[in-house]
Amino acid sequence: MTEVIQGLPERLSKRMKFFISIGEYSDEIEFMTDAVRRLIETKEKATDQWTINFEELITDIKKTNKSDQELLLQAETVRKDIWRRKYASGAGQ
């Protein structure tokens, strides 16, 4: 853990020491443990929300008789069309 703490950029190290000095944390290990816990919780919440949104999107898709290849081709066509409308229109077209 000491190697991780020594590898922190100076600005982050100073902020960590500040929170320890005001009694928010008892030492560097407690600070780093809390930081990692909060990061993991944030990532899990974001992942959970993405999963919920993805599941909602999937359930909204109507059933089709198209093959996987036809669906991939259709998705690629739509992606290219969106890109053209968003970026290529300003490139002199």
N, C-alpha and C. Protein backbone atom coordinates (compact mmCIF):
# COMPACT_ATOMS: atom_id res chain seq x y z
N MET A 1 0.83 -1.20 0.00
CA MET A 1 0.00 0.00 0.00
C MET A 1 0.87 1.26 0.00
N THR A 2 2.00 1.19 0.67
CA THR A 2 2.90 2.34 0.72
C THR A 2 3.33 2.76 -0.67
N GLU A 3 3.55 1.80 -1.57
CA GLU A 3 3.96 2.10 -2.93
C GLU A 3 2.86 2.86 -3.67
N VAL A 4 1.61 2.49 -3.42
CA VAL A 4 0.48 3.18 -4.04
C VAL A 4 0.42 4.61 -3.55
N ILE A 5 0.57 4.78 -2.25
CA ILE A 5 0.50 6.12 -1.67
C ILE A 5 1.66 6.98 -2.19
N GLN A 6 2.85 6.41 -2.28
CA GLN A 6 4.00 7.15 -2.80
C GLN A 6 3.83 7.49 -4.27
N GLY A 7 3.04 6.70 -5.00
CA GLY A 7 2.82 6.93 -6.42
C GLY A 7 1.75 7.96 -6.73
N LEU A 8 1.08 8.48 -5.70
CA LEU A 8 0.04 9.48 -5.94
C LEU A 8 0.65 10.78 -6.43
N PRO A 9 -0.04 11.45 -7.35
CA PRO A 9 0.41 12.79 -7.73
C PRO A 9 0.43 13.71 -6.49
N GLU A 10 1.29 14.68 -6.49
CA GLU A 10 1.47 15.55 -5.32
C GLU A 10 0.17 16.21 -4.87
N ARG A 11 -0.63 16.67 -5.83
CA ARG A 11 -1.89 17.34 -5.47
C ARG A 11 -2.81 16.39 -4.70
N LEU A 12 -2.92 15.14 -5.17
CA LEU A 12 -3.78 14.18 -4.47
C LEU A 12 -3.20 13.81 -3.12
N SER A 13 -1.90 13.69 -3.05
CA SER A 13 -1.25 13.38 -1.79
C SER A 13 -1.51 14.47 -0.75
N LYS A 14 -1.41 15.72 -1.18
CA LYS A 14 -1.69 16.84 -0.26
C LYS A 14 -3.13 16.83 0.22
N ARG A 15 -4.06 16.52 -0.69
CA ARG A 15 -5.48 16.49 -0.29
C ARG A 15 -5.72 15.35 0.70
N MET A 16 -5.08 14.21 0.46
CA MET A 16 -5.22 13.09 1.37
C MET A 16 -4.70 13.49 2.76
N LYS A 17 -3.52 14.09 2.81
CA LYS A 17 -2.93 14.50 4.08
C LYS A 17 -3.80 15.54 4.78
N PHE A 18 -4.44 16.41 4.01
CA PHE A 18 -5.35 17.39 4.59
C PHE A 18 -6.50 16.70 5.32
N PHE A 19 -7.14 15.75 4.66
CA PHE A 19 -8.27 15.06 5.29
C PHE A 19 -7.84 14.26 6.51
N ILE A 20 -6.64 13.74 6.50
CA ILE A 20 -6.11 13.03 7.67
C ILE A 20 -5.85 14.03 8.79
N SER A 21 -5.29 15.20 8.45
CA SER A 21 -4.95 16.20 9.47
C SER A 21 -6.17 16.77 10.17
N ILE A 22 -7.31 16.82 9.49
CA ILE A 22 -8.52 17.36 10.15
C ILE A 22 -9.32 16.26 10.85
N GLY A 23 -8.77 15.05 10.84
CA GLY A 23 -9.41 13.97 11.58
C GLY A 23 -10.47 13.20 10.84
N GLU A 24 -10.60 13.46 9.54
CA GLU A 24 -11.59 12.73 8.75
C GLU A 24 -11.21 11.25 8.63
N TYR A 25 -9.92 10.98 8.59
CA TYR A 25 -9.38 9.63 8.51
C TYR A 25 -8.25 9.52 9.53
N SER A 26 -8.05 8.31 10.05
CA SER A 26 -7.00 8.13 11.05
C SER A 26 -5.61 7.99 10.42
N ASP A 27 -5.56 7.44 9.21
CA ASP A 27 -4.27 7.28 8.54
C ASP A 27 -4.48 7.09 7.03
N GLU A 28 -3.37 6.93 6.32
CA GLU A 28 -3.42 6.80 4.86
C GLU A 28 -4.15 5.53 4.41
N ILE A 29 -3.98 4.46 5.16
CA ILE A 29 -4.65 3.20 4.81
C ILE A 29 -6.16 3.36 4.87
N GLU A 30 -6.65 3.99 5.93
CA GLU A 30 -8.10 4.20 6.05
C GLU A 30 -8.61 5.09 4.92
N PHE A 31 -7.84 6.13 4.58
CA PHE A 31 -8.23 7.01 3.49
C PHE A 31 -8.32 6.25 2.17
N MET A 32 -7.27 5.49 1.86
CA MET A 32 -7.24 4.75 0.59
C MET A 32 -8.33 3.68 0.54
N THR A 33 -8.58 3.02 1.66
CA THR A 33 -9.64 2.01 1.71
C THR A 33 -10.99 2.64 1.40
N ASP A 34 -11.25 3.80 2.00
CA ASP A 34 -12.52 4.49 1.76
C ASP A 34 -12.61 4.96 0.31
N ALA A 35 -11.51 5.46 -0.23
CA ALA A 35 -11.50 5.93 -1.62
C ALA A 35 -11.81 4.79 -2.59
N VAL A 36 -11.19 3.64 -2.37
CA VAL A 36 -11.43 2.49 -3.25
C VAL A 36 -12.87 2.01 -3.11
N ARG A 37 -13.37 1.95 -1.86
CA ARG A 37 -14.76 1.52 -1.64
C ARG A 37 -15.73 2.44 -2.38
N ARG A 38 -15.52 3.76 -2.26
CA ARG A 38 -16.41 4.71 -2.94
C ARG A 38 -16.33 4.58 -4.46
N LEU A 39 -15.13 4.37 -4.98
CA LEU A 39 -14.97 4.19 -6.43
C LEU A 39 -15.74 2.95 -6.90
N ILE A 40 -15.59 1.85 -6.18
CA ILE A 40 -16.28 0.62 -6.56
C ILE A 40 -17.79 0.81 -6.49
N GLU A 41 -18.29 1.44 -5.44
CA GLU A 41 -19.73 1.68 -5.32
C GLU A 41 -20.25 2.53 -6.46
N THR A 42 -19.49 3.57 -6.83
CA THR A 42 -19.89 4.44 -7.94
C THR A 42 -19.93 3.67 -9.25
N LYS A 43 -18.90 2.86 -9.50
CA LYS A 43 -18.85 2.07 -10.73
C LYS A 43 -19.99 1.06 -10.76
N GLU A 44 -20.29 0.43 -9.62
CA GLU A 44 -21.38 -0.54 -9.58
C GLU A 44 -22.72 0.12 -9.86
N LYS A 45 -22.94 1.32 -9.30
CA LYS A 45 -24.19 2.04 -9.55
C LYS A 45 -24.32 2.39 -11.03
N ALA A 46 -23.22 2.85 -11.63
CA ALA A 46 -23.25 3.21 -13.05
C ALA A 46 -23.51 1.97 -13.89
N THR A 47 -22.87 0.86 -13.55
CA THR A 47 -23.07 -0.38 -14.29
C THR A 47 -24.50 -0.87 -14.13
N ASP A 48 -25.02 -0.80 -12.90
CA ASP A 48 -26.41 -1.22 -12.67
C ASP A 48 -27.37 -0.39 -13.51
N GLN A 49 -27.16 0.93 -13.56
CA GLN A 49 -28.05 1.80 -14.33
C GLN A 49 -27.93 1.49 -15.81
N TRP A 50 -26.71 1.26 -16.30
CA TRP A 50 -26.52 0.91 -17.70
C TRP A 50 -27.24 -0.38 -18.02
N THR A 51 -27.14 -1.37 -17.13
CA THR A 51 -27.80 -2.66 -17.34
C THR A 51 -29.30 -2.48 -17.40
N ILE A 52 -29.86 -1.67 -16.51
CA ILE A 52 -31.30 -1.42 -16.51
C ILE A 52 -31.72 -0.77 -17.83
N ASN A 53 -30.97 0.25 -18.25
CA ASN A 53 -31.30 0.93 -19.51
C ASN A 53 -31.20 -0.02 -20.69
N PHE A 54 -30.16 -0.86 -20.70
CA PHE A 54 -29.97 -1.82 -21.78
C PHE A 54 -31.12 -2.82 -21.82
N GLU A 55 -31.52 -3.34 -20.66
CA GLU A 55 -32.61 -4.31 -20.61
C GLU A 55 -33.92 -3.68 -21.09
N GLU A 56 -34.15 -2.41 -20.73
CA GLU A 56 -35.35 -1.72 -21.20
C GLU A 56 -35.32 -1.57 -22.71
N LEU A 57 -34.16 -1.23 -23.24
CA LEU A 57 -34.01 -1.07 -24.68
C LEU A 57 -34.26 -2.39 -25.40
N ILE A 58 -33.70 -3.46 -24.89
CA ILE A 58 -33.86 -4.78 -25.51
C ILE A 58 -35.33 -5.20 -25.52
N THR A 59 -36.04 -4.95 -24.43
CA THR A 59 -37.45 -5.37 -24.38
C THR A 59 -38.32 -4.55 -25.32
N ASP A 60 -37.84 -3.35 -25.70
CA ASP A 60 -38.61 -2.51 -26.62
C ASP A 60 -38.40 -2.90 -28.08
N ILE A 61 -37.40 -3.71 -28.37
CA ILE A 61 -37.13 -4.10 -29.75
C ILE A 61 -38.16 -5.13 -30.19
N LYS A 62 -38.76 -4.85 -31.34
CA LYS A 62 -39.75 -5.78 -31.87
C LYS A 62 -39.06 -7.01 -32.45
N LYS A 63 -39.74 -8.12 -32.36
CA LYS A 63 -39.19 -9.36 -32.92
C LYS A 63 -39.11 -9.24 -34.44
N THR A 64 -38.10 -9.85 -35.01
CA THR A 64 -37.89 -9.76 -36.45
C THR A 64 -37.48 -11.12 -37.00
N ASN A 65 -37.69 -11.29 -38.28
CA ASN A 65 -37.26 -12.51 -38.95
C ASN A 65 -35.92 -12.33 -39.65
N LYS A 66 -35.30 -11.15 -39.48
CA LYS A 66 -34.02 -10.88 -40.14
C LYS A 66 -32.92 -11.71 -39.48
N SER A 67 -31.95 -12.09 -40.29
CA SER A 67 -30.80 -12.84 -39.77
C SER A 67 -29.88 -11.89 -39.00
N ASP A 68 -28.97 -12.47 -38.24
CA ASP A 68 -28.01 -11.66 -37.52
C ASP A 68 -27.20 -10.80 -38.48
N GLN A 69 -26.84 -11.36 -39.62
CA GLN A 69 -26.06 -10.62 -40.62
C GLN A 69 -26.86 -9.43 -41.15
N GLU A 70 -28.14 -9.63 -41.42
CA GLU A 70 -28.99 -8.53 -41.91
C GLU A 70 -29.12 -7.44 -40.85
N LEU A 71 -29.25 -7.83 -39.58
CA LEU A 71 -29.36 -6.84 -38.51
C LEU A 71 -28.06 -6.05 -38.35
N LEU A 72 -26.92 -6.74 -38.44
CA LEU A 72 -25.64 -6.05 -38.36
C LEU A 72 -25.45 -5.06 -39.51
N LEU A 73 -25.86 -5.47 -40.70
CA LEU A 73 -25.77 -4.58 -41.87
C LEU A 73 -26.68 -3.37 -41.69
N GLN A 74 -27.87 -3.60 -41.17
CA GLN A 74 -28.80 -2.51 -40.93
C GLN A 74 -28.24 -1.55 -39.88
N ALA A 75 -27.67 -2.07 -38.80
CA ALA A 75 -27.08 -1.23 -37.76
C ALA A 75 -25.92 -0.42 -38.31
N GLU A 76 -25.09 -1.03 -39.13
CA GLU A 76 -23.95 -0.33 -39.74
C GLU A 76 -24.43 0.79 -40.66
N THR A 77 -25.47 0.53 -41.42
CA THR A 77 -26.03 1.55 -42.31
C THR A 77 -26.56 2.74 -41.51
N VAL A 78 -27.27 2.45 -40.43
CA VAL A 78 -27.81 3.51 -39.58
C VAL A 78 -26.68 4.30 -38.94
N ARG A 79 -25.64 3.61 -38.45
CA ARG A 79 -24.51 4.28 -37.82
C ARG A 79 -23.82 5.22 -38.80
N LYS A 80 -23.60 4.76 -40.04
CA LYS A 80 -22.95 5.60 -41.05
C LYS A 80 -23.82 6.80 -41.39
N ASP A 81 -25.13 6.59 -41.48
CA ASP A 81 -26.05 7.68 -41.78
C ASP A 81 -26.02 8.74 -40.68
N ILE A 82 -26.04 8.30 -39.44
CA ILE A 82 -25.98 9.23 -38.31
C ILE A 82 -24.66 10.00 -38.34
N TRP A 83 -23.54 9.31 -38.59
CA TRP A 83 -22.24 9.97 -38.65
C TRP A 83 -22.23 11.02 -39.75
N ARG A 84 -22.76 10.66 -40.94
CA ARG A 84 -22.79 11.61 -42.05
C ARG A 84 -23.60 12.85 -41.69
N ARG A 85 -24.75 12.65 -41.09
CA ARG A 85 -25.58 13.80 -40.73
C ARG A 85 -24.91 14.68 -39.68
N LYS A 86 -24.23 14.05 -38.73
CA LYS A 86 -23.65 14.81 -37.62
C LYS A 86 -22.32 15.48 -37.98
N TYR A 87 -21.46 14.77 -38.73
CA TYR A 87 -20.10 15.28 -38.96
C TYR A 87 -19.81 15.66 -40.40
N ALA A 88 -20.25 14.87 -41.36
CA ALA A 88 -19.86 15.11 -42.75
C ALA A 88 -20.55 16.33 -43.33
N SER A 89 -21.71 16.69 -42.81
CA SER A 89 -22.44 17.82 -43.39
C SER A 89 -21.66 19.12 -43.25
N GLY A 90 -20.82 19.23 -42.22
CA GLY A 90 -20.03 20.43 -42.03
C GLY A 90 -18.71 20.40 -42.77
N ALA A 91 -18.46 19.35 -43.53
CA ALA A 91 -17.16 19.21 -44.22
C ALA A 91 -17.23 19.59 -45.69
N GLY A 92 -18.10 20.55 -46.00
CA GLY A 92 -18.16 21.04 -47.37
C GLY A 92 -19.13 20.33 -48.28
N GLN A 93 -20.00 19.50 -47.74
CA GLN A 93 -20.98 18.81 -48.59
C GLN A 93 -22.23 19.63 -48.73
